[in-house]
Amino acid sequence: MSVLRSLSAVLAALLFTAPSAEAQEALRNLYSTDGFVRRAAVATDTLYVGGDFITVGPPTGPAAVLDKVTGEADLTQARVGPGGFGGG
């Protein structure tokens, strides 16, 4: 019974004394999909992905700034999050 108590104490100490971690910011050059990626394959220097998604692109949040001539997303602008510009 004392072995069980010792193991329980060690387990509790490990669970409740975990170091804190800071939030991480998404990389702007890391593309995301609007659905699930089911398969991925690499050939030379190209990554192929397939799955249940329609678009692939950089994460912009619920809004994006587009160039009025080309229609390309301006990724230098602040990311829009649920709380507004710069929101998380």
PDB file of N, CA and C in Angstrom:
ATOM      1  N   MET A   1       0.818  -1.202   0.000  1.00  0.00           N
ATOM      2  CA  MET A   1       0.000   0.000   0.000  1.00  0.00           C
ATOM      3  C   MET A   1       0.860   1.264   0.000  1.00  0.00           C
ATOM      4  N   SER A   2       2.012   1.237   0.656  1.00  0.00           N
ATOM      5  CA  SER A   2       2.869   2.416   0.694  1.00  0.00           C
ATOM      6  C   SER A   2       3.470   2.711  -0.679  1.00  0.00           C
ATOM      7  N   VAL A   3       3.709   1.676  -1.489  1.00  0.00           N
ATOM      8  CA  VAL A   3       4.207   1.883  -2.847  1.00  0.00           C
ATOM      9  C   VAL A   3       3.164   2.614  -3.672  1.00  0.00           C
ATOM     10  N   LEU A   4       1.910   2.235  -3.519  1.00  0.00           N
ATOM     11  CA  LEU A   4       0.824   2.894  -4.245  1.00  0.00           C
ATOM     12  C   LEU A   4       0.718   4.358  -3.833  1.00  0.00           C
ATOM     13  N   ARG A   5       0.865   4.639  -2.546  1.00  0.00           N
ATOM     14  CA  ARG A   5       0.824   6.037  -2.073  1.00  0.00           C
ATOM     15  C   ARG A   5       1.993   6.830  -2.639  1.00  0.00           C
ATOM     16  N   SER A   6       3.154   6.212  -2.669  1.00  0.00           N
ATOM     17  CA  SER A   6       4.337   6.893  -3.200  1.00  0.00           C
ATOM     18  C   SER A   6       4.160   7.210  -4.676  1.00  0.00           C
ATOM     19  N   LEU A   7       3.659   6.240  -5.440  1.00  0.00           N
ATOM     20  CA  LEU A   7       3.414   6.475  -6.859  1.00  0.00           C
ATOM     21  C   LEU A   7       2.361   7.552  -7.072  1.00  0.00           C
ATOM     22  N   SER A   8       1.329   7.531  -6.244  1.00  0.00           N
ATOM     23  CA  SER A   8       0.282   8.557  -6.339  1.00  0.00           C
ATOM     24  C   SER A   8       0.848   9.931  -6.044  1.00  0.00           C
ATOM     25  N   ALA A   9       1.722  10.022  -5.045  1.00  0.00           N
ATOM     26  CA  ALA A   9       2.318  11.309  -4.692  1.00  0.00           C
ATOM     27  C   ALA A   9       3.216  11.819  -5.817  1.00  0.00           C
ATOM     28  N   VAL A  10       4.003  10.937  -6.414  1.00  0.00           N
ATOM     29  CA  VAL A  10       4.875  11.335  -7.520  1.00  0.00           C
ATOM     30  C   VAL A  10       4.044  11.776  -8.712  1.00  0.00           C
ATOM     31  N   LEU A  11       3.009  11.036  -9.017  1.00  0.00           N
ATOM     32  CA  LEU A  11       2.132  11.396 -10.132  1.00  0.00           C
ATOM     33  C   LEU A  11       1.458  12.739  -9.891  1.00  0.00           C
ATOM     34  N   ALA A  12       0.959  12.964  -8.698  1.00  0.00           N
ATOM     35  CA  ALA A  12       0.323  14.244  -8.368  1.00  0.00           C
ATOM     36  C   ALA A  12       1.324  15.392  -8.480  1.00  0.00           C
ATOM     37  N   ALA A  13       2.552  15.160  -8.009  1.00  0.00           N
ATOM     38  CA  ALA A  13       3.574  16.201  -8.102  1.00  0.00           C
ATOM     39  C   ALA A  13       3.879  16.541  -9.553  1.00  0.00           C
ATOM     40  N   LEU A  14       3.960  15.526 -10.401  1.00  0.00           N
ATOM     41  CA  LEU A  14       4.229  15.775 -11.819  1.00  0.00           C
ATOM     42  C   LEU A  14       3.077  16.502 -12.503  1.00  0.00           C
ATOM     43  N   LEU A  15       1.867  16.132 -12.177  1.00  0.00           N
ATOM     44  CA  LEU A  15       0.696  16.745 -12.815  1.00  0.00           C
ATOM     45  C   LEU A  15       0.473  18.182 -12.392  1.00  0.00           C
ATOM     46  N   PHE A  16       0.708  18.482 -11.130  1.00  0.00           N
ATOM     47  CA  PHE A  16       0.351  19.798 -10.612  1.00  0.00           C
ATOM     48  C   PHE A  16       1.516  20.763 -10.532  1.00  0.00           C
ATOM     49  N   THR A  17       2.707  20.354 -10.944  1.00  0.00           N
ATOM     50  CA  THR A  17       3.849  21.265 -10.934  1.00  0.00           C
ATOM     51  C   THR A  17       4.431  21.441 -12.330  1.00  0.00           C
ATOM     52  N   ALA A  18       3.621  21.250 -13.348  1.00  0.00           N
ATOM     53  CA  ALA A  18       4.089  21.409 -14.726  1.00  0.00           C
ATOM     54  C   ALA A  18       4.474  22.861 -14.971  1.00  0.00           C
ATOM     55  N   PRO A  19       5.545  23.102 -15.720  1.00  0.00           N
ATOM     56  CA  PRO A  19       5.945  24.485 -16.000  1.00  0.00           C
ATOM     57  C   PRO A  19       4.916  25.186 -16.871  1.00  0.00           C
ATOM     58  N   SER A  20       4.801  26.471 -16.692  1.00  0.00           N
ATOM     59  CA  SER A  20       3.862  27.233 -17.518  1.00  0.00           C
ATOM     60  C   SER A  20       4.468  27.466 -18.893  1.00  0.00           C
ATOM     61  N   ALA A  21       3.605  27.702 -19.853  1.00  0.00           N
ATOM     62  CA  ALA A  21       4.054  27.955 -21.219  1.00  0.00           C
ATOM     63  C   ALA A  21       3.375  29.210 -21.739  1.00  0.00           C
ATOM     64  N   GLU A  22       4.087  29.952 -22.561  1.00  0.00           N
ATOM     65  CA  GLU A  22       3.517  31.157 -23.152  1.00  0.00           C
ATOM     66  C   GLU A  22       2.839  30.815 -24.465  1.00  0.00           C
ATOM     67  N   ALA A  23       1.861  31.618 -24.833  1.00  0.00           N
ATOM     68  CA  ALA A  23       1.164  31.423 -26.109  1.00  0.00           C
ATOM     69  C   ALA A  23       2.127  31.671 -27.258  1.00  0.00           C
ATOM     70  N   GLN A  24       1.893  30.980 -28.349  1.00  0.00           N
ATOM     71  CA  GLN A  24       2.731  31.147 -29.523  1.00  0.00           C
ATOM     72  C   GLN A  24       1.942  31.845 -30.608  1.00  0.00           C
ATOM     73  N   GLU A  25       2.626  32.623 -31.422  1.00  0.00           N
ATOM     74  CA  GLU A  25       1.986  33.322 -32.531  1.00  0.00           C
ATOM     75  C   GLU A  25       2.149  32.483 -33.796  1.00  0.00           C
ATOM     76  N   ALA A  26       1.100  32.432 -34.605  1.00  0.00           N
ATOM     77  CA  ALA A  26       1.153  31.668 -35.851  1.00  0.00           C
ATOM     78  C   ALA A  26       2.173  32.281 -36.802  1.00  0.00           C
ATOM     79  N   LEU A  27       2.897  31.446 -37.497  1.00  0.00           N
ATOM     80  CA  LEU A  27       3.856  31.922 -38.486  1.00  0.00           C
ATOM     81  C   LEU A  27       3.106  32.427 -39.710  1.00  0.00           C
ATOM     82  N   ARG A  28       3.496  33.574 -40.210  1.00  0.00           N
ATOM     83  CA  ARG A  28       2.803  34.142 -41.366  1.00  0.00           C
ATOM     84  C   ARG A  28       3.080  33.365 -42.648  1.00  0.00           C
ATOM     85  N   ASN A  29       4.195  32.651 -42.709  1.00  0.00           N
ATOM     86  CA  ASN A  29       4.514  31.893 -43.922  1.00  0.00           C
ATOM     87  C   ASN A  29       4.033  30.453 -43.836  1.00  0.00           C
ATOM     88  N   LEU A  30       3.286  30.104 -42.801  1.00  0.00           N
ATOM     89  CA  LEU A  30       2.741  28.764 -42.639  1.00  0.00           C
ATOM     90  C   LEU A  30       1.299  28.770 -43.149  1.00  0.00           C
ATOM     91  N   TYR A  31       1.055  28.087 -44.243  1.00  0.00           N
ATOM     92  CA  TYR A  31      -0.275  28.077 -44.835  1.00  0.00           C
ATOM     93  C   TYR A  31      -1.204  27.134 -44.082  1.00  0.00           C
ATOM     94  N   SER A  32      -2.487  27.411 -44.173  1.00  0.00           N
ATOM     95  CA  SER A  32      -3.495  26.573 -43.537  1.00  0.00           C
ATOM     96  C   SER A  32      -4.596  26.279 -44.548  1.00  0.00           C
ATOM     97  N   THR A  33      -5.461  25.341 -44.207  1.00  0.00           N
ATOM     98  CA  THR A  33      -6.590  24.987 -45.071  1.00  0.00           C
ATOM     99  C   THR A  33      -7.886  25.336 -44.363  1.00  0.00           C
ATOM    100  N   ASP A  34      -8.976  25.353 -45.115  1.00  0.00           N
ATOM    101  CA  ASP A  34     -10.281  25.610 -44.507  1.00  0.00           C
ATOM    102  C   ASP A  34     -11.014  24.299 -44.224  1.00  0.00           C
ATOM    103  N   GLY A  35     -10.277  23.221 -44.097  1.00  0.00           N
ATOM    104  CA  GLY A  35     -10.850  21.912 -43.788  1.00  0.00           C
ATOM    105  C   GLY A  35      -9.744  20.959 -43.381  1.00  0.00           C
ATOM    106  N   PHE A  36     -10.058  19.675 -43.365  1.00  0.00           N
ATOM    107  CA  PHE A  36      -9.101  18.663 -42.927  1.00  0.00           C
ATOM    108  C   PHE A  36      -8.159  18.260 -44.051  1.00  0.00           C
ATOM    109  N   VAL A  37      -6.876  18.082 -43.732  1.00  0.00           N
ATOM    110  CA  VAL A  37      -5.904  17.486 -44.641  1.00  0.00           C
ATOM    111  C   VAL A  37      -5.893  15.997 -44.328  1.00  0.00           C
ATOM    112  N   ARG A  38      -6.197  15.174 -45.313  1.00  0.00           N
ATOM    113  CA  ARG A  38      -6.282  13.721 -45.111  1.00  0.00           C
ATOM    114  C   ARG A  38      -5.002  12.999 -45.527  1.00  0.00           C
ATOM    115  N   ARG A  39      -4.292  13.503 -46.524  1.00  0.00           N
ATOM    116  CA  ARG A  39      -3.090  12.860 -47.011  1.00  0.00           C
ATOM    117  C   ARG A  39      -2.048  13.926 -47.361  1.00  0.00           C
ATOM    118  N   ALA A  40      -0.785  13.563 -47.208  1.00  0.00           N
ATOM    119  CA  ALA A  40       0.317  14.442 -47.599  1.00  0.00           C
ATOM    120  C   ALA A  40       1.432  13.574 -48.182  1.00  0.00           C
ATOM    121  N   ALA A  41       2.084  14.087 -49.207  1.00  0.00           N
ATOM    122  CA  ALA A  41       3.196  13.374 -49.833  1.00  0.00           C
ATOM    123  C   ALA A  41       4.227  14.391 -50.293  1.00  0.00           C
ATOM    124  N   VAL A  42       5.493  14.001 -50.207  1.00  0.00           N
ATOM    125  CA  VAL A  42       6.585  14.868 -50.634  1.00  0.00           C
ATOM    126  C   VAL A  42       7.280  14.222 -51.821  1.00  0.00           C
ATOM    127  N   ALA A  43       7.518  15.014 -52.865  1.00  0.00           N
ATOM    128  CA  ALA A  43       8.301  14.580 -54.024  1.00  0.00           C
ATOM    129  C   ALA A  43       9.316  15.683 -54.299  1.00  0.00           C
ATOM    130  N   THR A  44      10.576  15.360 -54.213  1.00  0.00           N
ATOM    131  CA  THR A  44      11.701  16.303 -54.300  1.00  0.00           C
ATOM    132  C   THR A  44      11.468  17.449 -53.322  1.00  0.00           C
ATOM    133  N   ASP A  45      11.214  18.663 -53.803  1.00  0.00           N
ATOM    134  CA  ASP A  45      11.015  19.789 -52.893  1.00  0.00           C
ATOM    135  C   ASP A  45       9.569  20.294 -52.897  1.00  0.00           C
ATOM    136  N   THR A  46       8.615  19.434 -53.249  1.00  0.00           N
ATOM    137  CA  THR A  46       7.203  19.814 -53.322  1.00  0.00           C
ATOM    138  C   THR A  46       6.382  18.976 -52.360  1.00  0.00           C
ATOM    139  N   LEU A  47       5.502  19.635 -51.603  1.00  0.00           N
ATOM    140  CA  LEU A  47       4.574  18.959 -50.699  1.00  0.00           C
ATOM    141  C   LEU A  47       3.195  18.966 -51.343  1.00  0.00           C
ATOM    142  N   TYR A  48       2.614  17.789 -51.493  1.00  0.00           N
ATOM    143  CA  TYR A  48       1.264  17.643 -52.034  1.00  0.00           C
ATOM    144  C   TYR A  48       0.332  17.282 -50.886  1.00  0.00           C
ATOM    145  N   VAL A  49      -0.817  17.969 -50.802  1.00  0.00           N
ATOM    146  CA  VAL A  49      -1.798  17.666 -49.766  1.00  0.00           C
ATOM    147  C   VAL A  49      -3.156  17.455 -50.406  1.00  0.00           C
ATOM    148  N   GLY A  50      -3.945  16.604 -49.797  1.00  0.00           N
ATOM    149  CA  GLY A  50      -5.299  16.353 -50.270  1.00  0.00           C
ATOM    150  C   GLY A  50      -6.201  16.146 -49.079  1.00  0.00           C
ATOM    151  N   GLY A  51      -7.468  16.459 -49.246  1.00  0.00           N
ATOM    152  CA  GLY A  51      -8.390  16.271 -48.133  1.00  0.00           C
ATOM    153  C   GLY A  51      -9.707  16.980 -48.352  1.00  0.00           C
ATOM    154  N   ASP A  52     -10.338  17.321 -47.247  1.00  0.00           N
ATOM    155  CA  ASP A  52     -11.665  17.943 -47.260  1.00  0.00           C
ATOM    156  C   ASP A  52     -11.536  19.458 -47.108  1.00  0.00           C
ATOM    157  N   PHE A  53     -10.942  20.115 -48.089  1.00  0.00           N
ATOM    158  CA  PHE A  53     -10.785  21.562 -48.031  1.00  0.00           C
ATOM    159  C   PHE A  53     -10.972  22.156 -49.420  1.00  0.00           C
ATOM    160  N   ILE A  54     -11.254  23.443 -49.447  1.00  0.00           N
ATOM    161  CA  ILE A  54     -11.456  24.164 -50.701  1.00  0.00           C
ATOM    162  C   ILE A  54     -10.277  25.080 -50.985  1.00  0.00           C
ATOM    163  N   THR A  55      -9.774  25.754 -49.954  1.00  0.00           N
ATOM    164  CA  THR A  55      -8.701  26.722 -50.153  1.00  0.00           C
ATOM    165  C   THR A  55      -7.512  26.427 -49.250  1.00  0.00           C
ATOM    166  N   VAL A  56      -6.353  26.869 -49.704  1.00  0.00           N
ATOM    167  CA  VAL A  56      -5.107  26.800 -48.945  1.00  0.00           C
ATOM    168  C   VAL A  56      -4.481  28.183 -49.009  1.00  0.00           C
ATOM    169  N   GLY A  57      -4.038  28.691 -47.886  1.00  0.00           N
ATOM    170  CA  GLY A  57      -3.407  30.008 -47.878  1.00  0.00           C
ATOM    171  C   GLY A  57      -2.973  30.396 -46.490  1.00  0.00           C
ATOM    172  N   PRO A  58      -2.345  31.558 -46.375  1.00  0.00           N
ATOM    173  CA  PRO A  58      -1.904  32.021 -45.067  1.00  0.00           C
ATOM    174  C   PRO A  58      -3.106  32.350 -44.183  1.00  0.00           C
ATOM    175  N   PRO A  59      -3.012  32.115 -42.882  1.00  0.00           N
ATOM    176  CA  PRO A  59      -4.133  32.434 -41.998  1.00  0.00           C
ATOM    177  C   PRO A  59      -4.308  33.941 -41.876  1.00  0.00           C
ATOM    178  N   THR A  60      -5.516  34.423 -42.110  1.00  0.00           N
ATOM    179  CA  THR A  60      -5.793  35.859 -41.999  1.00  0.00           C
ATOM    180  C   THR A  60      -6.832  36.161 -40.935  1.00  0.00           C
ATOM    181  N   GLY A  61      -7.455  35.140 -40.376  1.00  0.00           N
ATOM    182  CA  GLY A  61      -8.553  35.377 -39.454  1.00  0.00           C
ATOM    183  C   GLY A  61      -9.825  35.585 -40.252  1.00  0.00           C
ATOM    184  N   PRO A  62     -10.835  36.209 -39.655  1.00  0.00           N
ATOM    185  CA  PRO A  62     -12.118  36.358 -40.335  1.00  0.00           C
ATOM    186  C   PRO A  62     -12.172  37.491 -41.364  1.00  0.00           C
ATOM    187  N   ALA A  63     -11.022  38.133 -41.677  1.00  0.00           N
ATOM    188  CA  ALA A  63     -10.996  39.215 -42.664  1.00  0.00           C
ATOM    189  C   ALA A  63      -9.594  39.280 -43.269  1.00  0.00           C
ATOM    190  N   ALA A  64      -9.464  39.949 -44.405  1.00  0.00           N
ATOM    191  CA  ALA A  64      -8.160  40.096 -45.045  1.00  0.00           C
ATOM    192  C   ALA A  64      -8.113  41.410 -45.804  1.00  0.00           C
ATOM    193  N   VAL A  65      -6.904  41.930 -45.994  1.00  0.00           N
ATOM    194  CA  VAL A  65      -6.680  43.131 -46.796  1.00  0.00           C
ATOM    195  C   VAL A  65      -6.238  42.665 -48.175  1.00  0.00           C
ATOM    196  N   LEU A  66      -6.974  43.082 -49.224  1.00  0.00           N
ATOM    197  CA  LEU A  66      -6.668  42.669 -50.591  1.00  0.00           C
ATOM    198  C   LEU A  66      -6.183  43.846 -51.415  1.00  0.00           C
ATOM    199  N   ASP A  67      -5.238  43.585 -52.307  1.00  0.00           N
ATOM    200  CA  ASP A  67      -4.768  44.604 -53.229  1.00  0.00           C
ATOM    201  C   ASP A  67      -5.873  44.887 -54.237  1.00  0.00           C
ATOM    202  N   LYS A  68      -6.213  46.168 -54.463  1.00  0.00           N
ATOM    203  CA  LYS A  68      -7.336  46.501 -55.336  1.00  0.00           C
ATOM    204  C   LYS A  68      -7.047  46.225 -56.808  1.00  0.00           C
ATOM    205  N   VAL A  69      -5.784  46.073 -57.202  1.00  0.00           N
ATOM    206  CA  VAL A  69      -5.442  45.801 -58.597  1.00  0.00           C
ATOM    207  C   VAL A  69      -5.305  44.303 -58.849  1.00  0.00           C
ATOM    208  N   THR A  70      -4.520  43.622 -58.000  1.00  0.00           N
ATOM    209  CA  THR A  70      -4.227  42.204 -58.248  1.00  0.00           C
ATOM    210  C   THR A  70      -5.177  41.256 -57.537  1.00  0.00           C
ATOM    211  N   GLY A  71      -5.811  41.729 -56.462  1.00  0.00           N
ATOM    212  CA  GLY A  71      -6.680  40.867 -55.684  1.00  0.00           C
ATOM    213  C   GLY A  71      -5.931  39.976 -54.709  1.00  0.00           C
ATOM    214  N   GLU A  72      -4.601  40.094 -54.676  1.00  0.00           N
ATOM    215  CA  GLU A  72      -3.784  39.298 -53.763  1.00  0.00           C
ATOM    216  C   GLU A  72      -3.931  39.810 -52.333  1.00  0.00           C
ATOM    217  N   ALA A  73      -3.860  38.882 -51.385  1.00  0.00           N
ATOM    218  CA  ALA A  73      -3.919  39.270 -49.974  1.00  0.00           C
ATOM    219  C   ALA A  73      -2.634  39.988 -49.590  1.00  0.00           C
ATOM    220  N   ASP A  74      -2.776  41.106 -48.864  1.00  0.00           N
ATOM    221  CA  ASP A  74      -1.634  41.855 -48.352  1.00  0.00           C
ATOM    222  C   ASP A  74      -1.313  41.304 -46.975  1.00  0.00           C
ATOM    223  N   LEU A  75      -0.335  40.411 -46.906  1.00  0.00           N
ATOM    224  CA  LEU A  75      -0.022  39.723 -45.657  1.00  0.00           C
ATOM    225  C   LEU A  75       0.860  40.540 -44.730  1.00  0.00           C
ATOM    226  N   THR A  76       1.217  41.776 -45.144  1.00  0.00           N
ATOM    227  CA  THR A  76       2.001  42.632 -44.262  1.00  0.00           C
ATOM    228  C   THR A  76       1.113  43.333 -43.249  1.00  0.00           C
ATOM    229  N   GLN A  77      -0.188  43.309 -43.490  1.00  0.00           N
ATOM    230  CA  GLN A  77      -1.135  43.953 -42.580  1.00  0.00           C
ATOM    231  C   GLN A  77      -1.343  43.096 -41.328  1.00  0.00           C
ATOM    232  N   ALA A  78      -1.908  43.715 -40.304  1.00  0.00           N
ATOM    233  CA  ALA A  78      -2.164  42.999 -39.053  1.00  0.00           C
ATOM    234  C   ALA A  78      -3.175  41.888 -39.279  1.00  0.00           C
ATOM    235  N   ARG A  79      -2.973  40.783 -38.573  1.00  0.00           N
ATOM    236  CA  ARG A  79      -3.918  39.682 -38.628  1.00  0.00           C
ATOM    237  C   ARG A  79      -5.185  40.088 -37.882  1.00  0.00           C
ATOM    238  N   VAL A  80      -6.313  39.751 -38.432  1.00  0.00           N
ATOM    239  CA  VAL A  80      -7.590  40.058 -37.790  1.00  0.00           C
ATOM    240  C   VAL A  80      -8.033  38.843 -37.010  1.00  0.00           C
ATOM    241  N   GLY A  81      -8.269  39.024 -35.715  1.00  0.00           N
ATOM    242  CA  GLY A  81      -8.730  37.946 -34.863  1.00  0.00           C
ATOM    243  C   GLY A  81     -10.125  38.214 -34.370  1.00  0.00           C
ATOM    244  N   PRO A  82     -10.659  37.335 -33.541  1.00  0.00           N
ATOM    245  CA  PRO A  82     -12.017  37.490 -33.039  1.00  0.00           C
ATOM    246  C   PRO A  82     -12.240  38.797 -32.291  1.00  0.00           C
ATOM    247  N   GLY A  83     -11.158  39.349 -31.702  1.00  0.00           N
ATOM    248  CA  GLY A  83     -11.290  40.590 -30.953  1.00  0.00           C
ATOM    249  C   GLY A  83     -11.022  41.831 -31.777  1.00  0.00           C
ATOM    250  N   GLY A  84     -10.865  41.706 -33.087  1.00  0.00           N
ATOM    251  CA  GLY A  84     -10.564  42.858 -33.947  1.00  0.00           C
ATOM    252  C   GLY A  84      -9.131  42.774 -34.420  1.00  0.00           C
ATOM    253  N   PHE A  85      -8.609  43.866 -34.984  1.00  0.00           N
ATOM    254  CA  PHE A  85      -7.236  43.876 -35.492  1.00  0.00           C
ATOM    255  C   PHE A  85      -6.280  43.570 -34.355  1.00  0.00           C
ATOM    256  N   GLY A  86      -5.390  42.613 -34.610  1.00  0.00           N
ATOM    257  CA  GLY A  86      -4.425  42.198 -33.610  1.00  0.00           C
ATOM    258  C   GLY A  86      -5.023  41.279 -32.560  1.00  0.00           C
ATOM    259  N   GLY A  87      -6.324  41.001 -32.664  1.00  0.00           N
ATOM    260  CA  GLY A  87      -6.957  40.124 -31.688  1.00  0.00           C
ATOM    261  C   GLY A  87      -6.505  38.698 -31.841  1.00  0.00           C
ATOM    262  N   GLY A  88      -6.765  37.883 -30.830  1.00  0.00           N
ATOM    263  CA  GLY A  88      -6.275  36.510 -30.871  1.00  0.00           C
ATOM    264  C   GLY A  88      -7.271  35.541 -31.208  1.00  0.00           C
TER     265      GLY A  88
END
